[in-house]
Amino acid sequence: MPLPDTEWTRGKCGFKGLTYMALGLPAVMSPVGVNTEIVEDGVNGFLAGSEDAWVEKLSMLIEQPALRTTLGAKGRETVIARYSVASQRDNYVQYFNEVLDRPRRHGD
């Protein structure tokens, strides 16, 4: 997921990278915006901030099948633990309860 470091890209949500990770694919993402919160470099994916870093990290994945498997599995674990519907279930329930508990205004 290569991105330039611009105001626009810093506001992106990282969905493409999360999609790769959810599928168990090893993700390589630019260290832009939320990507640095999603990926722990070398643990659940790679961050690559220069052309040389992209070549290095992609080469490692090409040459090391076990690394591909490990990063892919760790990335999937990250998505399940932090970004899945199941991981956010209690937050959803809390938000719905807060909305239901609000006093209704006249005309609602």
PDB file of N, CA and C in Angstrom:
ATOM      1  N   MET A   1       0.839  -1.174   0.000  1.00  0.00           N
ATOM      2  CA  MET A   1       0.000   0.000   0.000  1.00  0.00           C
ATOM      3  C   MET A   1       0.887   1.241   0.000  1.00  0.00           C
ATOM      4  N   PRO A   2       1.524   1.523  -1.112  1.00  0.00           N
ATOM      5  CA  PRO A   2       2.378   2.718  -1.179  1.00  0.00           C
ATOM      6  C   PRO A   2       1.538   3.994  -1.260  1.00  0.00           C
ATOM      7  N   LEU A   3       1.924   4.975  -0.471  1.00  0.00           N
ATOM      8  CA  LEU A   3       1.244   6.269  -0.464  1.00  0.00           C
ATOM      9  C   LEU A   3       2.273   7.379  -0.310  1.00  0.00           C
ATOM     10  N   PRO A   4       2.056   8.497  -0.995  1.00  0.00           N
ATOM     11  CA  PRO A   4       2.902   9.660  -0.706  1.00  0.00           C
ATOM     12  C   PRO A   4       2.470  10.247   0.636  1.00  0.00           C
ATOM     13  N   ASP A   5       3.333  10.956   1.281  1.00  0.00           N
ATOM     14  CA  ASP A   5       3.003  11.587   2.560  1.00  0.00           C
ATOM     15  C   ASP A   5       2.447  12.982   2.288  1.00  0.00           C
ATOM     16  N   THR A   6       1.124  13.060   2.134  1.00  0.00           N
ATOM     17  CA  THR A   6       0.440  14.330   1.868  1.00  0.00           C
ATOM     18  C   THR A   6      -0.688  14.505   2.878  1.00  0.00           C
ATOM     19  N   GLU A   7      -1.223  15.698   2.932  1.00  0.00           N
ATOM     20  CA  GLU A   7      -2.341  15.953   3.840  1.00  0.00           C
ATOM     21  C   GLU A   7      -3.507  15.005   3.539  1.00  0.00           C
ATOM     22  N   TRP A   8      -3.784  14.794   2.260  1.00  0.00           N
ATOM     23  CA  TRP A   8      -4.890  13.916   1.849  1.00  0.00           C
ATOM     24  C   TRP A   8      -4.650  12.482   2.311  1.00  0.00           C
ATOM     25  N   THR A   9      -3.451  11.940   2.054  1.00  0.00           N
ATOM     26  CA  THR A   9      -3.195  10.541   2.400  1.00  0.00           C
ATOM     27  C   THR A   9      -3.066  10.341   3.912  1.00  0.00           C
ATOM     28  N   ARG A  10      -2.638  11.356   4.637  1.00  0.00           N
ATOM     29  CA  ARG A  10      -2.572  11.237   6.096  1.00  0.00           C
ATOM     30  C   ARG A  10      -3.967  11.085   6.699  1.00  0.00           C
ATOM     31  N   GLY A  11      -4.999  11.491   5.973  1.00  0.00           N
ATOM     32  CA  GLY A  11      -6.373  11.365   6.455  1.00  0.00           C
ATOM     33  C   GLY A  11      -7.061  10.081   6.036  1.00  0.00           C
ATOM     34  N   LYS A  12      -6.390   9.248   5.265  1.00  0.00           N
ATOM     35  CA  LYS A  12      -7.002   7.998   4.820  1.00  0.00           C
ATOM     36  C   LYS A  12      -7.096   7.019   5.981  1.00  0.00           C
ATOM     37  N   CYS A  13      -7.981   6.021   5.838  1.00  0.00           N
ATOM     38  CA  CYS A  13      -8.294   5.142   6.967  1.00  0.00           C
ATOM     39  C   CYS A  13      -7.474   3.855   7.035  1.00  0.00           C
ATOM     40  N   GLY A  14      -6.731   3.495   6.034  1.00  0.00           N
ATOM     41  CA  GLY A  14      -5.950   2.259   6.076  1.00  0.00           C
ATOM     42  C   GLY A  14      -6.746   1.026   5.701  1.00  0.00           C
ATOM     43  N   PHE A  15      -7.940   1.201   5.135  1.00  0.00           N
ATOM     44  CA  PHE A  15      -8.825   0.071   4.840  1.00  0.00           C
ATOM     45  C   PHE A  15      -8.189  -0.946   3.902  1.00  0.00           C
ATOM     46  N   LYS A  16      -7.491  -0.481   2.893  1.00  0.00           N
ATOM     47  CA  LYS A  16      -6.867  -1.403   1.943  1.00  0.00           C
ATOM     48  C   LYS A  16      -5.861  -2.312   2.663  1.00  0.00           C
ATOM     49  N   GLY A  17      -5.023  -1.732   3.490  1.00  0.00           N
ATOM     50  CA  GLY A  17      -4.063  -2.526   4.248  1.00  0.00           C
ATOM     51  C   GLY A  17      -4.750  -3.491   5.195  1.00  0.00           C
ATOM     52  N   LEU A  18      -5.807  -3.025   5.878  1.00  0.00           N
ATOM     53  CA  LEU A  18      -6.560  -3.903   6.771  1.00  0.00           C
ATOM     54  C   LEU A  18      -7.196  -5.058   6.009  1.00  0.00           C
ATOM     55  N   THR A  19      -7.629  -4.802   4.790  1.00  0.00           N
ATOM     56  CA  THR A  19      -8.213  -5.862   3.969  1.00  0.00           C
ATOM     57  C   THR A  19      -7.169  -6.939   3.669  1.00  0.00           C
ATOM     58  N   TYR A  20      -5.975  -6.522   3.255  1.00  0.00           N
ATOM     59  CA  TYR A  20      -4.902  -7.490   3.010  1.00  0.00           C
ATOM     60  C   TYR A  20      -4.616  -8.301   4.265  1.00  0.00           C
ATOM     61  N   MET A  21      -4.505  -7.603   5.375  1.00  0.00           N
ATOM     62  CA  MET A  21      -4.180  -8.258   6.637  1.00  0.00           C
ATOM     63  C   MET A  21      -5.283  -9.235   7.049  1.00  0.00           C
ATOM     64  N   ALA A  22      -6.537  -8.864   6.868  1.00  0.00           N
ATOM     65  CA  ALA A  22      -7.651  -9.745   7.225  1.00  0.00           C
ATOM     66  C   ALA A  22      -7.611 -11.041   6.432  1.00  0.00           C
ATOM     67  N   LEU A  23      -7.083 -10.963   5.222  1.00  0.00           N
ATOM     68  CA  LEU A  23      -6.973 -12.153   4.371  1.00  0.00           C
ATOM     69  C   LEU A  23      -5.734 -12.986   4.691  1.00  0.00           C
ATOM     70  N   GLY A  24      -4.931 -12.523   5.649  1.00  0.00           N
ATOM     71  CA  GLY A  24      -3.723 -13.251   6.013  1.00  0.00           C
ATOM     72  C   GLY A  24      -2.566 -13.003   5.084  1.00  0.00           C
ATOM     73  N   LEU A  25      -2.668 -11.937   4.285  1.00  0.00           N
ATOM     74  CA  LEU A  25      -1.578 -11.585   3.379  1.00  0.00           C
ATOM     75  C   LEU A  25      -0.611 -10.643   4.088  1.00  0.00           C
ATOM     76  N   PRO A  26       0.687 -10.825   3.912  1.00  0.00           N
ATOM     77  CA  PRO A  26       1.632  -9.908   4.556  1.00  0.00           C
ATOM     78  C   PRO A  26       1.519  -8.522   3.928  1.00  0.00           C
ATOM     79  N   ALA A  27       1.259  -7.545   4.756  1.00  0.00           N
ATOM     80  CA  ALA A  27       1.044  -6.184   4.267  1.00  0.00           C
ATOM     81  C   ALA A  27       2.333  -5.367   4.343  1.00  0.00           C
ATOM     82  N   VAL A  28       2.564  -4.595   3.283  1.00  0.00           N
ATOM     83  CA  VAL A  28       3.637  -3.612   3.261  1.00  0.00           C
ATOM     84  C   VAL A  28       2.949  -2.280   2.978  1.00  0.00           C
ATOM     85  N   MET A  29       3.112  -1.342   3.897  1.00  0.00           N
ATOM     86  CA  MET A  29       2.398  -0.073   3.813  1.00  0.00           C
ATOM     87  C   MET A  29       3.357   1.092   4.028  1.00  0.00           C
ATOM     88  N   SER A  30       3.058   2.208   3.414  1.00  0.00           N
ATOM     89  CA  SER A  30       3.819   3.426   3.671  1.00  0.00           C
ATOM     90  C   SER A  30       3.527   3.894   5.090  1.00  0.00           C
ATOM     91  N   PRO A  31       4.521   4.430   5.788  1.00  0.00           N
ATOM     92  CA  PRO A  31       4.304   4.913   7.150  1.00  0.00           C
ATOM     93  C   PRO A  31       3.633   6.290   7.148  1.00  0.00           C
ATOM     94  N   VAL A  32       2.384   6.306   6.697  1.00  0.00           N
ATOM     95  CA  VAL A  32       1.624   7.540   6.520  1.00  0.00           C
ATOM     96  C   VAL A  32       0.317   7.416   7.292  1.00  0.00           C
ATOM     97  N   GLY A  33       0.001   8.437   8.061  1.00  0.00           N
ATOM     98  CA  GLY A  33      -1.275   8.469   8.762  1.00  0.00           C
ATOM     99  C   GLY A  33      -1.466   7.291   9.697  1.00  0.00           C
ATOM    100  N   VAL A  34      -2.664   6.731   9.663  1.00  0.00           N
ATOM    101  CA  VAL A  34      -3.051   5.656  10.571  1.00  0.00           C
ATOM    102  C   VAL A  34      -2.271   4.362  10.329  1.00  0.00           C
ATOM    103  N   ASN A  35      -1.616   4.242   9.185  1.00  0.00           N
ATOM    104  CA  ASN A  35      -0.834   3.036   8.904  1.00  0.00           C
ATOM    105  C   ASN A  35       0.176   2.750  10.003  1.00  0.00           C
ATOM    106  N   THR A  36       0.726   3.794  10.596  1.00  0.00           N
ATOM    107  CA  THR A  36       1.726   3.596  11.657  1.00  0.00           C
ATOM    108  C   THR A  36       1.087   3.094  12.951  1.00  0.00           C
ATOM    109  N   GLU A  37      -0.225   3.230  13.080  1.00  0.00           N
ATOM    110  CA  GLU A  37      -0.936   2.670  14.226  1.00  0.00           C
ATOM    111  C   GLU A  37      -1.367   1.236  13.957  1.00  0.00           C
ATOM    112  N   ILE A  38      -1.596   0.907  12.701  1.00  0.00           N
ATOM    113  CA  ILE A  38      -2.058  -0.428  12.317  1.00  0.00           C
ATOM    114  C   ILE A  38      -0.896  -1.414  12.301  1.00  0.00           C
ATOM    115  N   VAL A  39       0.203  -1.018  11.681  1.00  0.00           N
ATOM    116  CA  VAL A  39       1.332  -1.932  11.468  1.00  0.00           C
ATOM    117  C   VAL A  39       2.443  -1.668  12.471  1.00  0.00           C
ATOM    118  N   GLU A  40       2.865  -2.734  13.127  1.00  0.00           N
ATOM    119  CA  GLU A  40       4.086  -2.715  13.927  1.00  0.00           C
ATOM    120  C   GLU A  40       5.158  -3.342  13.043  1.00  0.00           C
ATOM    121  N   ASP A  41       6.044  -2.510  12.546  1.00  0.00           N
ATOM    122  CA  ASP A  41       7.008  -2.919  11.524  1.00  0.00           C
ATOM    123  C   ASP A  41       7.768  -4.186  11.925  1.00  0.00           C
ATOM    124  N   GLY A  42       7.674  -5.191  11.058  1.00  0.00           N
ATOM    125  CA  GLY A  42       8.377  -6.445  11.283  1.00  0.00           C
ATOM    126  C   GLY A  42       7.648  -7.418  12.183  1.00  0.00           C
ATOM    127  N   VAL A  43       6.509  -6.997  12.743  1.00  0.00           N
ATOM    128  CA  VAL A  43       5.749  -7.876  13.639  1.00  0.00           C
ATOM    129  C   VAL A  43       4.478  -8.381  12.957  1.00  0.00           C
ATOM    130  N   ASN A  44       3.640  -7.446  12.478  1.00  0.00           N
ATOM    131  CA  ASN A  44       2.392  -7.837  11.820  1.00  0.00           C
ATOM    132  C   ASN A  44       2.312  -7.313  10.385  1.00  0.00           C
ATOM    133  N   GLY A  45       3.421  -6.845   9.870  1.00  0.00           N
ATOM    134  CA  GLY A  45       3.519  -6.302   8.518  1.00  0.00           C
ATOM    135  C   GLY A  45       4.794  -5.487   8.427  1.00  0.00           C
ATOM    136  N   PHE A  46       4.926  -4.779   7.334  1.00  0.00           N
ATOM    137  CA  PHE A  46       6.098  -3.930   7.151  1.00  0.00           C
ATOM    138  C   PHE A  46       5.663  -2.513   6.824  1.00  0.00           C
ATOM    139  N   LEU A  47       6.445  -1.556   7.293  1.00  0.00           N
ATOM    140  CA  LEU A  47       6.312  -0.159   6.890  1.00  0.00           C
ATOM    141  C   LEU A  47       7.524   0.168   6.025  1.00  0.00           C
ATOM    142  N   ALA A  48       7.271   0.801   4.899  1.00  0.00           N
ATOM    143  CA  ALA A  48       8.355   1.141   3.977  1.00  0.00           C
ATOM    144  C   ALA A  48       8.203   2.601   3.557  1.00  0.00           C
ATOM    145  N   GLY A  49       9.184   3.422   3.937  1.00  0.00           N
ATOM    146  CA  GLY A  49       9.080   4.851   3.694  1.00  0.00           C
ATOM    147  C   GLY A  49       9.929   5.392   2.565  1.00  0.00           C
ATOM    148  N   SER A  50      10.640   4.513   1.882  1.00  0.00           N
ATOM    149  CA  SER A  50      11.468   4.955   0.757  1.00  0.00           C
ATOM    150  C   SER A  50      11.484   3.845  -0.291  1.00  0.00           C
ATOM    151  N   GLU A  51      11.944   4.199  -1.476  1.00  0.00           N
ATOM    152  CA  GLU A  51      12.033   3.195  -2.536  1.00  0.00           C
ATOM    153  C   GLU A  51      12.948   2.035  -2.109  1.00  0.00           C
ATOM    154  N   ASP A  52      14.079   2.365  -1.492  1.00  0.00           N
ATOM    155  CA  ASP A  52      14.992   1.318  -1.022  1.00  0.00           C
ATOM    156  C   ASP A  52      14.322   0.414   0.012  1.00  0.00           C
ATOM    157  N   ALA A  53      13.539   0.997   0.907  1.00  0.00           N
ATOM    158  CA  ALA A  53      12.846   0.205   1.922  1.00  0.00           C
ATOM    159  C   ALA A  53      11.812  -0.716   1.278  1.00  0.00           C
ATOM    160  N   TRP A  54      11.109  -0.224   0.258  1.00  0.00           N
ATOM    161  CA  TRP A  54      10.143  -1.062  -0.447  1.00  0.00           C
ATOM    162  C   TRP A  54      10.849  -2.247  -1.096  1.00  0.00           C
ATOM    163  N   VAL A  55      11.944  -1.995  -1.763  1.00  0.00           N
ATOM    164  CA  VAL A  55      12.694  -3.083  -2.411  1.00  0.00           C
ATOM    165  C   VAL A  55      13.169  -4.082  -1.359  1.00  0.00           C
ATOM    166  N   GLU A  56      13.715  -3.580  -0.264  1.00  0.00           N
ATOM    167  CA  GLU A  56      14.218  -4.456   0.799  1.00  0.00           C
ATOM    168  C   GLU A  56      13.109  -5.328   1.389  1.00  0.00           C
ATOM    169  N   LYS A  57      11.994  -4.718   1.752  1.00  0.00           N
ATOM    170  CA  LYS A  57      10.918  -5.444   2.428  1.00  0.00           C
ATOM    171  C   LYS A  57      10.217  -6.417   1.487  1.00  0.00           C
ATOM    172  N   LEU A  58       9.974  -5.999   0.251  1.00  0.00           N
ATOM    173  CA  LEU A  58       9.353  -6.917  -0.706  1.00  0.00           C
ATOM    174  C   LEU A  58      10.295  -8.065  -1.042  1.00  0.00           C
ATOM    175  N   SER A  59      11.579  -7.783  -1.153  1.00  0.00           N
ATOM    176  CA  SER A  59      12.563  -8.843  -1.414  1.00  0.00           C
ATOM    177  C   SER A  59      12.568  -9.866  -0.288  1.00  0.00           C
ATOM    178  N   MET A  60      12.505  -9.386   0.948  1.00  0.00           N
ATOM    179  CA  MET A  60      12.471 -10.301   2.088  1.00  0.00           C
ATOM    180  C   MET A  60      11.260 -11.223   2.001  1.00  0.00           C
ATOM    181  N   LEU A  61      10.115 -10.657   1.642  1.00  0.00           N
ATOM    182  CA  LEU A  61       8.904 -11.470   1.544  1.00  0.00           C
ATOM    183  C   LEU A  61       8.982 -12.472   0.394  1.00  0.00           C
ATOM    184  N   ILE A  62       9.575 -12.065  -0.711  1.00  0.00           N
ATOM    185  CA  ILE A  62       9.727 -12.966  -1.855  1.00  0.00           C
ATOM    186  C   ILE A  62      10.647 -14.124  -1.502  1.00  0.00           C
ATOM    187  N   GLU A  63      11.718 -13.838  -0.801  1.00  0.00           N
ATOM    188  CA  GLU A  63      12.754 -14.828  -0.533  1.00  0.00           C
ATOM    189  C   GLU A  63      12.490 -15.688   0.701  1.00  0.00           C
ATOM    190  N   GLN A  64      11.564 -15.278   1.576  1.00  0.00           N
ATOM    191  CA  GLN A  64      11.363 -15.992   2.834  1.00  0.00           C
ATOM    192  C   GLN A  64       9.888 -16.383   3.022  1.00  0.00           C
ATOM    193  N   PRO A  65       9.510 -17.571   2.538  1.00  0.00           N
ATOM    194  CA  PRO A  65       8.117 -18.014   2.680  1.00  0.00           C
ATOM    195  C   PRO A  65       7.634 -18.042   4.136  1.00  0.00           C
ATOM    196  N   ALA A  66       8.503 -18.425   5.063  1.00  0.00           N
ATOM    197  CA  ALA A  66       8.097 -18.486   6.472  1.00  0.00           C
ATOM    198  C   ALA A  66       7.773 -17.087   7.003  1.00  0.00           C
ATOM    199  N   LEU A  67       8.508 -16.095   6.565  1.00  0.00           N
ATOM    200  CA  LEU A  67       8.241 -14.712   6.966  1.00  0.00           C
ATOM    201  C   LEU A  67       6.889 -14.263   6.425  1.00  0.00           C
ATOM    202  N   ARG A  68       6.598 -14.606   5.176  1.00  0.00           N
ATOM    203  CA  ARG A  68       5.291 -14.273   4.595  1.00  0.00           C
ATOM    204  C   ARG A  68       4.169 -14.860   5.437  1.00  0.00           C
ATOM    205  N   THR A  69       4.329 -16.117   5.816  1.00  0.00           N
ATOM    206  CA  THR A  69       3.309 -16.807   6.604  1.00  0.00           C
ATOM    207  C   THR A  69       3.149 -16.159   7.977  1.00  0.00           C
ATOM    208  N   THR A  70       4.266 -15.895   8.632  1.00  0.00           N
ATOM    209  CA  THR A  70       4.229 -15.315   9.980  1.00  0.00           C
ATOM    210  C   THR A  70       3.604 -13.927   9.972  1.00  0.00           C
ATOM    211  N   LEU A  71       4.072 -13.055   9.077  1.00  0.00           N
ATOM    212  CA  LEU A  71       3.520 -11.696   9.026  1.00  0.00           C
ATOM    213  C   LEU A  71       2.045 -11.719   8.639  1.00  0.00           C
ATOM    214  N   GLY A  72       1.687 -12.588   7.714  1.00  0.00           N
ATOM    215  CA  GLY A  72       0.282 -12.708   7.321  1.00  0.00           C
ATOM    216  C   GLY A  72      -0.597 -13.124   8.490  1.00  0.00           C
ATOM    217  N   ALA A  73      -0.145 -14.106   9.260  1.00  0.00           N
ATOM    218  CA  ALA A  73      -0.914 -14.586  10.410  1.00  0.00           C
ATOM    219  C   ALA A  73      -1.014 -13.509  11.489  1.00  0.00           C
ATOM    220  N   LYS A  74       0.091 -12.829  11.768  1.00  0.00           N
ATOM    221  CA  LYS A  74       0.084 -11.763  12.779  1.00  0.00           C
ATOM    222  C   LYS A  74      -0.800 -10.597  12.335  1.00  0.00           C
ATOM    223  N   GLY A  75      -0.780 -10.282  11.045  1.00  0.00           N
ATOM    224  CA  GLY A  75      -1.646  -9.229  10.531  1.00  0.00           C
ATOM    225  C   GLY A  75      -3.111  -9.581  10.709  1.00  0.00           C
ATOM    226  N   ARG A  76      -3.466 -10.819  10.397  1.00  0.00           N
ATOM    227  CA  ARG A  76      -4.853 -11.264  10.578  1.00  0.00           C
ATOM    228  C   ARG A  76      -5.251 -11.189  12.051  1.00  0.00           C
ATOM    229  N   GLU A  77      -4.366 -11.623  12.934  1.00  0.00           N
ATOM    230  CA  GLU A  77      -4.642 -11.529  14.374  1.00  0.00           C
ATOM    231  C   GLU A  77      -4.903 -10.078  14.788  1.00  0.00           C
ATOM    232  N   THR A  78      -4.145  -9.150  14.235  1.00  0.00           N
ATOM    233  CA  THR A  78      -4.331  -7.731  14.542  1.00  0.00           C
ATOM    234  C   THR A  78      -5.719  -7.261  14.133  1.00  0.00           C
ATOM    235  N   VAL A  79      -6.139  -7.628  12.931  1.00  0.00           N
ATOM    236  CA  VAL A  79      -7.455  -7.198  12.444  1.00  0.00           C
ATOM    237  C   VAL A  79      -8.555  -7.783  13.312  1.00  0.00           C
ATOM    238  N   ILE A  80      -8.460  -9.060  13.638  1.00  0.00           N
ATOM    239  CA  ILE A  80      -9.491  -9.694  14.460  1.00  0.00           C
ATOM    240  C   ILE A  80      -9.545  -9.049  15.841  1.00  0.00           C
ATOM    241  N   ALA A  81      -8.386  -8.792  16.429  1.00  0.00           N
ATOM    242  CA  ALA A  81      -8.335  -8.259  17.795  1.00  0.00           C
ATOM    243  C   ALA A  81      -8.716  -6.791  17.897  1.00  0.00           C
ATOM    244  N   ARG A  82      -8.406  -5.985  16.857  1.00  0.00           N
ATOM    245  CA  ARG A  82      -8.583  -4.537  16.995  1.00  0.00           C
ATOM    246  C   ARG A  82      -9.588  -3.895  16.042  1.00  0.00           C
ATOM    247  N   TYR A  83      -9.905  -4.557  14.927  1.00  0.00           N
ATOM    248  CA  TYR A  83     -10.717  -3.893  13.905  1.00  0.00           C
ATOM    249  C   TYR A  83     -11.959  -4.667  13.476  1.00  0.00           C
ATOM    250  N   SER A  84     -12.166  -5.849  13.979  1.00  0.00           N
ATOM    251  CA  SER A  84     -13.315  -6.656  13.565  1.00  0.00           C
ATOM    252  C   SER A  84     -14.585  -6.204  14.283  1.00  0.00           C
ATOM    253  N   VAL A  85     -15.723  -6.596  13.739  1.00  0.00           N
ATOM    254  CA  VAL A  85     -17.007  -6.306  14.378  1.00  0.00           C
ATOM    255  C   VAL A  85     -17.025  -6.945  15.769  1.00  0.00           C
ATOM    256  N   ALA A  86     -16.538  -8.182  15.868  1.00  0.00           N
ATOM    257  CA  ALA A  86     -16.535  -8.871  17.162  1.00  0.00           C
ATOM    258  C   ALA A  86     -15.717  -8.107  18.198  1.00  0.00           C
ATOM    259  N   SER A  87     -14.593  -7.548  17.789  1.00  0.00           N
ATOM    260  CA  SER A  87     -13.749  -6.817  18.743  1.00  0.00           C
ATOM    261  C   SER A  87     -14.388  -5.508  19.195  1.00  0.00           C
ATOM    262  N   GLN A  88     -15.317  -5.001  18.413  1.00  0.00           N
ATOM    263  CA  GLN A  88     -15.965  -3.727  18.731  1.00  0.00           C
ATOM    264  C   GLN A  88     -17.393  -3.898  19.235  1.00  0.00           C
ATOM    265  N   ARG A  89     -17.821  -5.134  19.425  1.00  0.00           N
ATOM    266  CA  ARG A  89     -19.201  -5.435  19.824  1.00  0.00           C
ATOM    267  C   ARG A  89     -19.635  -4.628  21.051  1.00  0.00           C
ATOM    268  N   ASP A  90     -18.845  -4.629  22.108  1.00  0.00           N
ATOM    269  CA  ASP A  90     -19.235  -3.910  23.331  1.00  0.00           C
ATOM    270  C   ASP A  90     -19.378  -2.411  23.082  1.00  0.00           C
ATOM    271  N   ASN A  91     -18.514  -1.848  22.235  1.00  0.00           N
ATOM    272  CA  ASN A  91     -18.644  -0.427  21.893  1.00  0.00           C
ATOM    273  C   ASN A  91     -19.959  -0.153  21.176  1.00  0.00           C
ATOM    274  N   TYR A  92     -20.310  -1.026  20.205  1.00  0.00           N
ATOM    275  CA  TYR A  92     -21.569  -0.850  19.485  1.00  0.00           C
ATOM    276  C   TYR A  92     -22.752  -0.888  20.452  1.00  0.00           C
ATOM    277  N   VAL A  93     -22.765  -1.875  21.329  1.00  0.00           N
ATOM    278  CA  VAL A  93     -23.864  -2.007  22.280  1.00  0.00           C
ATOM    279  C   VAL A  93     -23.943  -0.764  23.171  1.00  0.00           C
ATOM    280  N   GLN A  94     -22.794  -0.294  23.649  1.00  0.00           N
ATOM    281  CA  GLN A  94     -22.773   0.906  24.496  1.00  0.00           C
ATOM    282  C   GLN A  94     -23.345   2.103  23.742  1.00  0.00           C
ATOM    283  N   TYR A  95     -22.932   2.301  22.497  1.00  0.00           N
ATOM    284  CA  TYR A  95     -23.428   3.437  21.713  1.00  0.00           C
ATOM    285  C   TYR A  95     -24.935   3.344  21.497  1.00  0.00           C
ATOM    286  N   PHE A  96     -25.426   2.150  21.153  1.00  0.00           N
ATOM    287  CA  PHE A  96     -26.863   1.984  20.954  1.00  0.00           C
ATOM    288  C   PHE A  96     -27.625   2.262  22.247  1.00  0.00           C
ATOM    289  N   ASN A  97     -27.114   1.769  23.369  1.00  0.00           N
ATOM    290  CA  ASN A  97     -27.773   2.015  24.655  1.00  0.00           C
ATOM    291  C   ASN A  97     -27.774   3.495  24.997  1.00  0.00           C
ATOM    292  N   GLU A  98     -26.697   4.198  24.709  1.00  0.00           N
ATOM    293  CA  GLU A  98     -26.652   5.633  24.963  1.00  0.00           C
ATOM    294  C   GLU A  98     -27.697   6.370  24.137  1.00  0.00           C
ATOM    295  N   VAL A  99     -27.853   5.966  22.886  1.00  0.00           N
ATOM    296  CA  VAL A  99     -28.852   6.600  22.024  1.00  0.00           C
ATOM    297  C   VAL A  99     -30.251   6.297  22.540  1.00  0.00           C
ATOM    298  N   LEU A 100     -30.491   5.072  22.927  1.00  0.00           N
ATOM    299  CA  LEU A 100     -31.818   4.697  23.417  1.00  0.00           C
ATOM    300  C   LEU A 100     -32.149   5.356  24.749  1.00  0.00           C
ATOM    301  N   ASP A 101     -31.134   5.635  25.560  1.00  0.00           N
ATOM    302  CA  ASP A 101     -31.358   6.242  26.867  1.00  0.00           C
ATOM    303  C   ASP A 101     -31.495   7.758  26.832  1.00  0.00           C
ATOM    304  N   ARG A 102     -31.203   8.384  25.712  1.00  0.00           N
ATOM    305  CA  ARG A 102     -31.298   9.848  25.616  1.00  0.00           C
ATOM    306  C   ARG A 102     -32.767  10.271  25.694  1.00  0.00           C
ATOM    307  N   PRO A 103     -33.006  11.348  26.421  1.00  0.00           N
ATOM    308  CA  PRO A 103     -34.381  11.869  26.423  1.00  0.00           C
ATOM    309  C   PRO A 103     -34.735  12.360  25.012  1.00  0.00           C
ATOM    310  N   ARG A 104     -35.927  12.075  24.612  1.00  0.00           N
ATOM    311  CA  ARG A 104     -36.381  12.495  23.279  1.00  0.00           C
ATOM    312  C   ARG A 104     -36.754  13.961  23.311  1.00  0.00           C
ATOM    313  N   ARG A 105     -36.390  14.668  22.256  1.00  0.00           N
ATOM    314  CA  ARG A 105     -36.772  16.076  22.123  1.00  0.00           C
ATOM    315  C   ARG A 105     -38.139  16.153  21.492  1.00  0.00           C
ATOM    316  N   HIS A 106     -38.822  17.251  21.727  1.00  0.00           N
ATOM    317  CA  HIS A 106     -40.119  17.473  21.105  1.00  0.00           C
ATOM    318  C   HIS A 106     -39.986  17.408  19.583  1.00  0.00           C
ATOM    319  N   GLY A 107     -40.816  16.617  18.944  1.00  0.00           N
ATOM    320  CA  GLY A 107     -40.778  16.497  17.492  1.00  0.00           C
ATOM    321  C   GLY A 107     -39.944  15.323  17.005  1.00  0.00           C
ATOM    322  N   ASP A 108     -39.253  14.617  17.904  1.00  0.00           N
ATOM    323  CA  ASP A 108     -38.467  13.437  17.482  1.00  0.00           C
ATOM    324  C   ASP A 108     -39.338  12.221  17.405  1.00  0.00           C
TER     325      ASP A 108
END
